[in-house]
PDB file of N, CA and C in Angstrom:
ATOM      1  N   GLY A   1     -24.550 -15.303   0.210  1.00  0.00           N
ATOM      2  CA  GLY A   1     -23.689 -14.188  -0.051  1.00  0.00           C
ATOM      3  C   GLY A   1     -22.627 -14.545  -1.082  1.00  0.00           C
ATOM      4  N   VAL A   2     -21.890 -13.557  -1.447  1.00  0.00           N
ATOM      5  CA  VAL A   2     -20.806 -13.728  -2.411  1.00  0.00           C
ATOM      6  C   VAL A   2     -19.595 -14.280  -1.691  1.00  0.00           C
ATOM      7  N   ARG A   3     -18.944 -15.263  -2.289  1.00  0.00           N
ATOM      8  CA  ARG A   3     -17.724 -15.830  -1.709  1.00  0.00           C
ATOM      9  C   ARG A   3     -16.554 -15.484  -2.598  1.00  0.00           C
ATOM     10  N   PHE A   4     -15.493 -15.088  -1.998  1.00  0.00           N
ATOM     11  CA  PHE A   4     -14.279 -14.777  -2.725  1.00  0.00           C
ATOM     12  C   PHE A   4     -13.263 -15.868  -2.463  1.00  0.00           C
ATOM     13  N   GLN A   5     -12.603 -16.295  -3.502  1.00  0.00           N
ATOM     14  CA  GLN A   5     -11.567 -17.309  -3.337  1.00  0.00           C
ATOM     15  C   GLN A   5     -10.227 -16.605  -3.242  1.00  0.00           C
ATOM     16  N   ARG A   6      -9.471 -16.916  -2.201  1.00  0.00           N
ATOM     17  CA  ARG A   6      -8.155 -16.303  -2.012  1.00  0.00           C
ATOM     18  C   ARG A   6      -7.190 -16.842  -3.044  1.00  0.00           C
ATOM     19  N   ARG A   7      -6.435 -15.958  -3.633  1.00  0.00           N
ATOM     20  CA  ARG A   7      -5.391 -16.382  -4.556  1.00  0.00           C
ATOM     21  C   ARG A   7      -4.154 -16.753  -3.763  1.00  0.00           C
ATOM     22  N   PRO A   8      -3.339 -17.659  -4.291  1.00  0.00           N
ATOM     23  CA  PRO A   8      -2.091 -17.962  -3.586  1.00  0.00           C
ATOM     24  C   PRO A   8      -1.214 -16.719  -3.525  1.00  0.00           C
ATOM     25  N   SER A   9      -0.433 -16.616  -2.487  1.00  0.00           N
ATOM     26  CA  SER A   9       0.428 -15.455  -2.300  1.00  0.00           C
ATOM     27  C   SER A   9       1.430 -15.338  -3.430  1.00  0.00           C
ATOM     28  N   HIS A  10       1.689 -14.131  -3.794  1.00  0.00           N
ATOM     29  CA  HIS A  10       2.676 -13.858  -4.829  1.00  0.00           C
ATOM     30  C   HIS A  10       4.058 -14.141  -4.257  1.00  0.00           C
ATOM     31  N   PRO A  11       4.927 -14.833  -4.999  1.00  0.00           N
ATOM     32  CA  PRO A  11       6.235 -15.206  -4.443  1.00  0.00           C
ATOM     33  C   PRO A  11       7.082 -14.010  -4.040  1.00  0.00           C
ATOM     34  N   ARG A  12       6.906 -12.850  -4.692  1.00  0.00           N
ATOM     35  CA  ARG A  12       7.693 -11.676  -4.310  1.00  0.00           C
ATOM     36  C   ARG A  12       7.232 -11.112  -2.981  1.00  0.00           C
ATOM     37  N   ALA A  13       6.012 -11.436  -2.580  1.00  0.00           N
ATOM     38  CA  ALA A  13       5.441 -10.813  -1.396  1.00  0.00           C
ATOM     39  C   ALA A  13       5.572 -11.645  -0.131  1.00  0.00           C
ATOM     40  N   ARG A  14       5.734 -12.933  -0.247  1.00  0.00           N
ATOM     41  CA  ARG A  14       5.759 -13.777   0.930  1.00  0.00           C
ATOM     42  C   ARG A  14       7.000 -13.560   1.776  1.00  0.00           C
ATOM     43  N   GLY A  15       6.815 -13.531   3.068  1.00  0.00           N
ATOM     44  CA  GLY A  15       7.922 -13.408   4.005  1.00  0.00           C
ATOM     45  C   GLY A  15       8.534 -14.769   4.274  1.00  0.00           C
ATOM     46  N   VAL A  16       9.167 -15.355   3.297  1.00  0.00           N
ATOM     47  CA  VAL A  16       9.732 -16.696   3.433  1.00  0.00           C
ATOM     48  C   VAL A  16      11.115 -16.635   4.062  1.00  0.00           C
ATOM     49  N   VAL A  17      11.608 -17.802   4.479  1.00  0.00           N
ATOM     50  CA  VAL A  17      12.940 -17.895   5.062  1.00  0.00           C
ATOM     51  C   VAL A  17      13.954 -17.338   4.074  1.00  0.00           C
ATOM     52  N   GLY A  18      14.879 -16.563   4.550  1.00  0.00           N
ATOM     53  CA  GLY A  18      15.890 -15.962   3.689  1.00  0.00           C
ATOM     54  C   GLY A  18      15.507 -14.576   3.205  1.00  0.00           C
ATOM     55  N   ARG A  19      14.265 -14.186   3.406  1.00  0.00           N
ATOM     56  CA  ARG A  19      13.808 -12.856   2.999  1.00  0.00           C
ATOM     57  C   ARG A  19      14.233 -11.858   4.080  1.00  0.00           C
ATOM     58  N   PRO A  20      14.755 -10.704   3.699  1.00  0.00           N
ATOM     59  CA  PRO A  20      15.159  -9.727   4.718  1.00  0.00           C
ATOM     60  C   PRO A  20      13.961  -9.244   5.529  1.00  0.00           C
ATOM     61  N   ARG A  21      14.214  -8.917   6.784  1.00  0.00           N
ATOM     62  CA  ARG A  21      13.142  -8.420   7.658  1.00  0.00           C
ATOM     63  C   ARG A  21      12.833  -6.957   7.406  1.00  0.00           C
ATOM     64  N   SER A  22      13.759  -6.252   6.782  1.00  0.00           N
ATOM     65  CA  SER A  22      13.523  -4.844   6.454  1.00  0.00           C
ATOM     66  C   SER A  22      14.205  -4.531   5.130  1.00  0.00           C
ATOM     67  N   GLY A  23      13.885  -3.382   4.593  1.00  0.00           N
ATOM     68  CA  GLY A  23      14.474  -2.969   3.333  1.00  0.00           C
ATOM     69  C   GLY A  23      13.529  -3.177   2.169  1.00  0.00           C
ATOM     70  N   PRO A  24      13.935  -2.770   0.968  1.00  0.00           N
ATOM     71  CA  PRO A  24      13.043  -2.807  -0.191  1.00  0.00           C
ATOM     72  C   PRO A  24      12.603  -4.207  -0.609  1.00  0.00           C
ATOM     73  N   ASP A  25      13.373  -5.241  -0.262  1.00  0.00           N
ATOM     74  CA  ASP A  25      13.004  -6.604  -0.634  1.00  0.00           C
ATOM     75  C   ASP A  25      12.213  -7.332   0.450  1.00  0.00           C
ATOM     76  N   SER A  26      11.907  -6.645   1.535  1.00  0.00           N
ATOM     77  CA  SER A  26      11.146  -7.260   2.627  1.00  0.00           C
ATOM     78  C   SER A  26       9.652  -7.197   2.319  1.00  0.00           C
ATOM     79  N   LEU A  27       8.866  -7.939   3.087  1.00  0.00           N
ATOM     80  CA  LEU A  27       7.416  -7.875   2.944  1.00  0.00           C
ATOM     81  C   LEU A  27       6.930  -6.458   3.217  1.00  0.00           C
ATOM     82  N   ARG A  28       7.489  -5.828   4.247  1.00  0.00           N
ATOM     83  CA  ARG A  28       7.098  -4.452   4.562  1.00  0.00           C
ATOM     84  C   ARG A  28       7.395  -3.528   3.387  1.00  0.00           C
ATOM     85  N   GLY A  29       8.567  -3.674   2.773  1.00  0.00           N
ATOM     86  CA  GLY A  29       8.921  -2.861   1.617  1.00  0.00           C
ATOM     87  C   GLY A  29       7.975  -3.087   0.455  1.00  0.00           C
ATOM     88  N   TYR A  30       7.623  -4.346   0.215  1.00  0.00           N
ATOM     89  CA  TYR A  30       6.666  -4.699  -0.844  1.00  0.00           C
ATOM     90  C   TYR A  30       5.324  -4.030  -0.589  1.00  0.00           C
ATOM     91  N   LEU A  31       4.825  -4.145   0.657  1.00  0.00           N
ATOM     92  CA  LEU A  31       3.537  -3.551   0.994  1.00  0.00           C
ATOM     93  C   LEU A  31       3.574  -2.034   0.871  1.00  0.00           C
ATOM     94  N   GLU A  32       4.619  -1.414   1.395  1.00  0.00           N
ATOM     95  CA  GLU A  32       4.727   0.043   1.336  1.00  0.00           C
ATOM     96  C   GLU A  32       4.752   0.532  -0.109  1.00  0.00           C
ATOM     97  N   ARG A  33       5.623  -0.038  -0.895  1.00  0.00           N
ATOM     98  CA  ARG A  33       5.785   0.367  -2.300  1.00  0.00           C
ATOM     99  C   ARG A  33       4.474   0.235  -3.078  1.00  0.00           C
ATOM    100  N   ASN A  34       3.816  -0.887  -2.924  1.00  0.00           N
ATOM    101  CA  ASN A  34       2.605  -1.137  -3.691  1.00  0.00           C
ATOM    102  C   ASN A  34       1.388  -0.384  -3.165  1.00  0.00           C
ATOM    103  N   CYS A  35       1.282  -0.196  -1.865  1.00  0.00           N
ATOM    104  CA  CYS A  35       0.163   0.580  -1.316  1.00  0.00           C
ATOM    105  C   CYS A  35       0.273   2.045  -1.715  1.00  0.00           C
ATOM    106  N   ILE A  36       1.478   2.597  -1.696  1.00  0.00           N
ATOM    107  CA  ILE A  36       1.657   3.983  -2.137  1.00  0.00           C
ATOM    108  C   ILE A  36       1.293   4.103  -3.612  1.00  0.00           C
ATOM    109  N   ALA A  37       1.767   3.187  -4.433  1.00  0.00           N
ATOM    110  CA  ALA A  37       1.441   3.223  -5.861  1.00  0.00           C
ATOM    111  C   ALA A  37      -0.068   3.103  -6.083  1.00  0.00           C
ATOM    112  N   LEU A  38      -0.731   2.264  -5.305  1.00  0.00           N
ATOM    113  CA  LEU A  38      -2.171   2.077  -5.425  1.00  0.00           C
ATOM    114  C   LEU A  38      -2.946   3.340  -5.041  1.00  0.00           C
ATOM    115  N   LEU A  39      -2.536   3.979  -3.957  1.00  0.00           N
ATOM    116  CA  LEU A  39      -3.288   5.118  -3.419  1.00  0.00           C
ATOM    117  C   LEU A  39      -2.960   6.454  -4.079  1.00  0.00           C
ATOM    118  N   SER A  40      -1.889   6.514  -4.833  1.00  0.00           N
ATOM    119  CA  SER A  40      -1.458   7.771  -5.436  1.00  0.00           C
ATOM    120  C   SER A  40      -2.449   8.269  -6.485  1.00  0.00           C
ATOM    121  N   ASN A  41      -2.704   9.572  -6.467  1.00  0.00           N
ATOM    122  CA  ASN A  41      -3.526  10.231  -7.489  1.00  0.00           C
ATOM    123  C   ASN A  41      -2.660  10.875  -8.564  1.00  0.00           C
ATOM    124  N   HIS A  42      -1.364  10.700  -8.498  1.00  0.00           N
ATOM    125  CA  HIS A  42      -0.439  11.356  -9.422  1.00  0.00           C
ATOM    126  C   HIS A  42      -0.718  10.939 -10.865  1.00  0.00           C
ATOM    127  N   ASP A  43      -0.929  11.909 -11.728  1.00  0.00           N
ATOM    128  CA  ASP A  43      -1.173  11.698 -13.166  1.00  0.00           C
ATOM    129  C   ASP A  43      -2.373  10.802 -13.458  1.00  0.00           C
ATOM    130  N   ARG A  44      -3.372  10.839 -12.608  1.00  0.00           N
ATOM    131  CA  ARG A  44      -4.613  10.098 -12.884  1.00  0.00           C
ATOM    132  C   ARG A  44      -5.778  10.800 -12.209  1.00  0.00           C
ATOM    133  N   GLU A  45      -6.956  10.516 -12.688  1.00  0.00           N
ATOM    134  CA  GLU A  45      -8.166  11.089 -12.095  1.00  0.00           C
ATOM    135  C   GLU A  45      -8.364  10.468 -10.712  1.00  0.00           C
ATOM    136  N   PRO A  46      -8.424  11.283  -9.655  1.00  0.00           N
ATOM    137  CA  PRO A  46      -8.558  10.712  -8.314  1.00  0.00           C
ATOM    138  C   PRO A  46      -9.917  10.044  -8.097  1.00  0.00           C
ATOM    139  N   ILE A  47      -9.886   8.868  -7.505  1.00  0.00           N
ATOM    140  CA  ILE A  47     -11.118   8.183  -7.118  1.00  0.00           C
ATOM    141  C   ILE A  47     -11.605   8.752  -5.789  1.00  0.00           C
ATOM    142  N   ASP A  48     -10.657   9.031  -4.906  1.00  0.00           N
ATOM    143  CA  ASP A  48     -10.964   9.571  -3.584  1.00  0.00           C
ATOM    144  C   ASP A  48      -9.984  10.702  -3.302  1.00  0.00           C
ATOM    145  N   PRO A  49     -10.265  11.894  -3.814  1.00  0.00           N
ATOM    146  CA  PRO A  49      -9.307  12.994  -3.654  1.00  0.00           C
ATOM    147  C   PRO A  49      -9.182  13.444  -2.199  1.00  0.00           C
ATOM    148  N   PRO A  50      -8.070  14.091  -1.874  1.00  0.00           N
ATOM    149  CA  PRO A  50      -7.922  14.631  -0.518  1.00  0.00           C
ATOM    150  C   PRO A  50      -9.029  15.647  -0.223  1.00  0.00           C
ATOM    151  N   SER A  51      -9.337  15.793   1.040  1.00  0.00           N
ATOM    152  CA  SER A  51     -10.377  16.748   1.433  1.00  0.00           C
ATOM    153  C   SER A  51      -9.924  18.173   1.108  1.00  0.00           C
ATOM    154  N   PRO A  52     -10.862  19.081   0.942  1.00  0.00           N
ATOM    155  CA  PRO A  52     -10.498  20.461   0.617  1.00  0.00           C
ATOM    156  C   PRO A  52      -9.575  21.104   1.663  1.00  0.00           C
ATOM    157  N   GLY A  53      -9.675  20.689   2.909  1.00  0.00           N
ATOM    158  CA  GLY A  53      -8.855  21.268   3.963  1.00  0.00           C
ATOM    159  C   GLY A  53      -7.523  20.577   4.188  1.00  0.00           C
ATOM    160  N   TRP A  54      -7.185  19.567   3.369  1.00  0.00           N
ATOM    161  CA  TRP A  54      -5.925  18.839   3.553  1.00  0.00           C
ATOM    162  C   TRP A  54      -4.743  19.781   3.354  1.00  0.00           C
ATOM    163  N   LEU A  55      -3.838  19.812   4.323  1.00  0.00           N
ATOM    164  CA  LEU A  55      -2.696  20.735   4.276  1.00  0.00           C
ATOM    165  C   LEU A  55      -1.749  20.454   3.112  1.00  0.00           C
ATOM    166  N   GLY A  56      -1.743  19.237   2.611  1.00  0.00           N
ATOM    167  CA  GLY A  56      -0.882  18.898   1.486  1.00  0.00           C
ATOM    168  C   GLY A  56      -1.209  19.674   0.218  1.00  0.00           C
ATOM    169  N   ARG A  57      -2.403  20.208   0.135  1.00  0.00           N
ATOM    170  CA  ARG A  57      -2.766  21.040  -1.024  1.00  0.00           C
ATOM    171  C   ARG A  57      -1.893  22.299  -1.104  1.00  0.00           C
ATOM    172  N   HIS A  58      -1.289  22.677   0.026  1.00  0.00           N
ATOM    173  CA  HIS A  58      -0.449  23.871   0.084  1.00  0.00           C
ATOM    174  C   HIS A  58       1.037  23.539   0.159  1.00  0.00           C
ATOM    175  N   ALA A  59       1.387  22.276  -0.022  1.00  0.00           N
ATOM    176  CA  ALA A  59       2.793  21.853   0.065  1.00  0.00           C
ATOM    177  C   ALA A  59       3.594  22.455  -1.084  1.00  0.00           C
ATOM    178  N   ARG A  60       4.863  22.731  -0.819  1.00  0.00           N
ATOM    179  CA  ARG A  60       5.749  23.238  -1.878  1.00  0.00           C
ATOM    180  C   ARG A  60       6.013  22.200  -2.956  1.00  0.00           C
ATOM    181  N   ALA A  61       6.129  20.946  -2.539  1.00  0.00           N
ATOM    182  CA  ALA A  61       6.451  19.875  -3.486  1.00  0.00           C
ATOM    183  C   ALA A  61       5.232  19.548  -4.350  1.00  0.00           C
ATOM    184  N   PRO A  62       5.346  19.703  -5.656  1.00  0.00           N
ATOM    185  CA  PRO A  62       4.203  19.405  -6.531  1.00  0.00           C
ATOM    186  C   PRO A  62       3.786  17.935  -6.474  1.00  0.00           C
ATOM    187  N   GLN A  63       4.726  17.033  -6.146  1.00  0.00           N
ATOM    188  CA  GLN A  63       4.386  15.612  -6.060  1.00  0.00           C
ATOM    189  C   GLN A  63       3.397  15.342  -4.920  1.00  0.00           C
ATOM    190  N   ILE A  64       3.524  16.085  -3.831  1.00  0.00           N
ATOM    191  CA  ILE A  64       2.584  15.935  -2.712  1.00  0.00           C
ATOM    192  C   ILE A  64       1.203  16.399  -3.144  1.00  0.00           C
ATOM    193  N   ARG A  65       1.152  17.553  -3.782  1.00  0.00           N
ATOM    194  CA  ARG A  65      -0.139  18.077  -4.235  1.00  0.00           C
ATOM    195  C   ARG A  65      -0.786  17.166  -5.273  1.00  0.00           C
ATOM    196  N   SER A  66       0.001  16.641  -6.217  1.00  0.00           N
ATOM    197  CA  SER A  66      -0.579  15.834  -7.297  1.00  0.00           C
ATOM    198  C   SER A  66      -0.947  14.413  -6.865  1.00  0.00           C
ATOM    199  N   SER A  67      -0.214  13.871  -5.903  1.00  0.00           N
ATOM    200  CA  SER A  67      -0.475  12.486  -5.490  1.00  0.00           C
ATOM    201  C   SER A  67      -1.524  12.391  -4.394  1.00  0.00           C
ATOM    202  N   GLY A  68      -1.666  13.456  -3.615  1.00  0.00           N
ATOM    203  CA  GLY A  68      -2.569  13.400  -2.468  1.00  0.00           C
ATOM    204  C   GLY A  68      -1.968  12.662  -1.295  1.00  0.00           C
ATOM    205  N   LEU A  69      -0.640  12.455  -1.331  1.00  0.00           N
ATOM    206  CA  LEU A  69       0.058  11.721  -0.275  1.00  0.00           C
ATOM    207  C   LEU A  69       1.258  12.512   0.219  1.00  0.00           C
ATOM    208  N   TRP A  70       1.558  12.396   1.503  1.00  0.00           N
ATOM    209  CA  TRP A  70       2.768  13.019   2.031  1.00  0.00           C
ATOM    210  C   TRP A  70       4.005  12.231   1.621  1.00  0.00           C
ATOM    211  N   ASN A  71       3.911  10.915   1.612  1.00  0.00           N
ATOM    212  CA  ASN A  71       5.031  10.075   1.194  1.00  0.00           C
ATOM    213  C   ASN A  71       4.950   9.928  -0.320  1.00  0.00           C
ATOM    214  N   VAL A  72       5.899  10.515  -1.026  1.00  0.00           N
ATOM    215  CA  VAL A  72       5.836  10.519  -2.492  1.00  0.00           C
ATOM    216  C   VAL A  72       6.751   9.474  -3.131  1.00  0.00           C
ATOM    217  N   ASN A  73       7.398   8.648  -2.324  1.00  0.00           N
ATOM    218  CA  ASN A  73       8.161   7.541  -2.891  1.00  0.00           C
ATOM    219  C   ASN A  73       7.175   6.605  -3.580  1.00  0.00           C
ATOM    220  N   HIS A  74       7.461   6.179  -4.784  1.00  0.00           N
ATOM    221  CA  HIS A  74       6.675   5.179  -5.518  1.00  0.00           C
ATOM    222  C   HIS A  74       5.359   5.690  -6.089  1.00  0.00           C
ATOM    223  N   ILE A  75       5.110   7.008  -6.104  1.00  0.00           N
ATOM    224  CA  ILE A  75       3.820   7.512  -6.592  1.00  0.00           C
ATOM    225  C   ILE A  75       3.643   7.330  -8.096  1.00  0.00           C
ATOM    226  N   THR A  76       4.733   7.161  -8.836  1.00  0.00           N
ATOM    227  CA  THR A  76       4.630   7.010 -10.289  1.00  0.00           C
ATOM    228  C   THR A  76       4.675   5.549 -10.726  1.00  0.00           C
ATOM    229  N   GLU A  77       4.800   4.642  -9.763  1.00  0.00           N
ATOM    230  CA  GLU A  77       4.929   3.224 -10.088  1.00  0.00           C
ATOM    231  C   GLU A  77       3.558   2.569 -10.238  1.00  0.00           C
ATOM    232  N   HIS A  78       3.533   1.431 -10.913  1.00  0.00           N
ATOM    233  CA  HIS A  78       2.325   0.612 -11.003  1.00  0.00           C
ATOM    234  C   HIS A  78       2.333  -0.346  -9.827  1.00  0.00           C
ATOM    235  N   TYR A  79       1.159  -0.634  -9.307  1.00  0.00           N
ATOM    236  CA  TYR A  79       1.077  -1.540  -8.161  1.00  0.00           C
ATOM    237  C   TYR A  79       0.761  -2.964  -8.616  1.00  0.00           C
ATOM    238  N   ASP A  80       1.158  -3.905  -7.803  1.00  0.00           N
ATOM    239  CA  ASP A  80       0.858  -5.317  -8.012  1.00  0.00           C
ATOM    240  C   ASP A  80      -0.531  -5.571  -7.413  1.00  0.00           C
ATOM    241  N   PRO A  81      -1.518  -5.997  -8.210  1.00  0.00           N
ATOM    242  CA  PRO A  81      -2.862  -6.215  -7.666  1.00  0.00           C
ATOM    243  C   PRO A  81      -2.901  -7.221  -6.514  1.00  0.00           C
ATOM    244  N   LEU A  82      -1.919  -8.094  -6.420  1.00  0.00           N
ATOM    245  CA  LEU A  82      -1.889  -9.064  -5.327  1.00  0.00           C
ATOM    246  C   LEU A  82      -1.557  -8.426  -3.983  1.00  0.00           C
ATOM    247  N   VAL A  83      -1.172  -7.147  -3.996  1.00  0.00           N
ATOM    248  CA  VAL A  83      -0.829  -6.488  -2.742  1.00  0.00           C
ATOM    249  C   VAL A  83      -2.020  -6.468  -1.786  1.00  0.00           C
ATOM    250  N   LEU A  84      -3.229  -6.408  -2.313  1.00  0.00           N
ATOM    251  CA  LEU A  84      -4.397  -6.379  -1.433  1.00  0.00           C
ATOM    252  C   LEU A  84      -4.552  -7.686  -0.665  1.00  0.00           C
ATOM    253  N   ASP A  85      -4.264  -8.815  -1.318  1.00  0.00           N
ATOM    254  CA  ASP A  85      -4.285 -10.098  -0.617  1.00  0.00           C
ATOM    255  C   ASP A  85      -3.188 -10.153   0.437  1.00  0.00           C
ATOM    256  N   GLU A  86      -2.005  -9.674   0.084  1.00  0.00           N
ATOM    257  CA  GLU A  86      -0.888  -9.695   1.024  1.00  0.00           C
ATOM    258  C   GLU A  86      -1.161  -8.777   2.209  1.00  0.00           C
ATOM    259  N   LEU A  87      -1.775  -7.629   1.953  1.00  0.00           N
ATOM    260  CA  LEU A  87      -2.119  -6.710   3.032  1.00  0.00           C
ATOM    261  C   LEU A  87      -3.159  -7.353   3.956  1.00  0.00           C
ATOM    262  N   ALA A  88      -4.152  -8.018   3.384  1.00  0.00           N
ATOM    263  CA  ALA A  88      -5.154  -8.707   4.205  1.00  0.00           C
ATOM    264  C   ALA A  88      -4.505  -9.787   5.066  1.00  0.00           C
ATOM    265  N   ASP A  89      -3.564 -10.518   4.481  1.00  0.00           N
ATOM    266  CA  ASP A  89      -2.856 -11.546   5.252  1.00  0.00           C
ATOM    267  C   ASP A  89      -2.044 -10.926   6.386  1.00  0.00           C
ATOM    268  N   ALA A  90      -1.382  -9.809   6.104  1.00  0.00           N
ATOM    269  CA  ALA A  90      -0.571  -9.137   7.124  1.00  0.00           C
ATOM    270  C   ALA A  90      -1.451  -8.608   8.255  1.00  0.00           C
ATOM    271  N   VAL A  91      -2.605  -8.051   7.910  1.00  0.00           N
ATOM    272  CA  VAL A  91      -3.527  -7.563   8.940  1.00  0.00           C
ATOM    273  C   VAL A  91      -4.042  -8.731   9.771  1.00  0.00           C
ATOM    274  N   ALA A  92      -4.437  -9.808   9.109  1.00  0.00           N
ATOM    275  CA  ALA A  92      -4.946 -10.976   9.837  1.00  0.00           C
ATOM    276  C   ALA A  92      -3.887 -11.545  10.770  1.00  0.00           C
ATOM    277  N   ALA A  93      -2.636 -11.493  10.358  1.00  0.00           N
ATOM    278  CA  ALA A  93      -1.557 -12.028  11.193  1.00  0.00           C
ATOM    279  C   ALA A  93      -1.304 -11.166  12.425  1.00  0.00           C
ATOM    280  N   THR A  94      -1.706  -9.915  12.391  1.00  0.00           N
ATOM    281  CA  THR A  94      -1.471  -9.032  13.531  1.00  0.00           C
ATOM    282  C   THR A  94      -2.674  -8.915  14.455  1.00  0.00           C
ATOM    283  N   VAL A  95      -3.821  -9.400  14.014  1.00  0.00           N
ATOM    284  CA  VAL A  95      -5.032  -9.328  14.838  1.00  0.00           C
ATOM    285  C   VAL A  95      -4.896 -10.323  15.978  1.00  0.00           C
ATOM    286  N   ARG A  96      -5.099  -9.839  17.163  1.00  0.00           N
ATOM    287  CA  ARG A  96      -4.997 -10.672  18.349  1.00  0.00           C
ATOM    288  C   ARG A  96      -6.378 -10.784  18.992  1.00  0.00           C
ATOM    289  N   THR A  97      -6.655 -11.934  19.544  1.00  0.00           N
ATOM    290  CA  THR A  97      -7.896 -12.114  20.301  1.00  0.00           C
ATOM    291  C   THR A  97      -7.718 -11.431  21.647  1.00  0.00           C
ATOM    292  N   PRO A  98      -8.671 -10.576  22.036  1.00  0.00           N
ATOM    293  CA  PRO A  98      -8.523  -9.900  23.327  1.00  0.00           C
ATOM    294  C   PRO A  98      -8.451 -10.887  24.480  1.00  0.00           C
ATOM    295  N   ALA A  99      -7.634 -10.562  25.470  1.00  0.00           N
ATOM    296  CA  ALA A  99      -7.509 -11.401  26.664  1.00  0.00           C
ATOM    297  C   ALA A  99      -8.817 -11.351  27.445  1.00  0.00           C
ATOM    298  N   THR A 100      -9.183 -12.478  27.997  1.00  0.00           N
ATOM    299  CA  THR A 100     -10.443 -12.513  28.772  1.00  0.00           C
ATOM    300  C   THR A 100     -10.150 -12.583  30.239  1.00  0.00           C
TER     301      THR A 100
END
């Protein structure tokens, strides 16, 4: 099979000592900002547009309709491609082995 080599974590994304636990400079803030930017359809051809029945199509805010997202913070920003590695690391860190 195909093997992927993990890239080292981006220094802006790592939850190192001294990094705030919340806020825009936290790991959570980094992930939120970059995931929204990645998933936004605003001003670009959608790869995966919202379904025809999505209620956001009827939202008053044009940013909701154009981005395909309810959270419109960061929809016009560029995302850091390393966010996918950081998201995978965050998911892996939260996965727990079921109790037997």
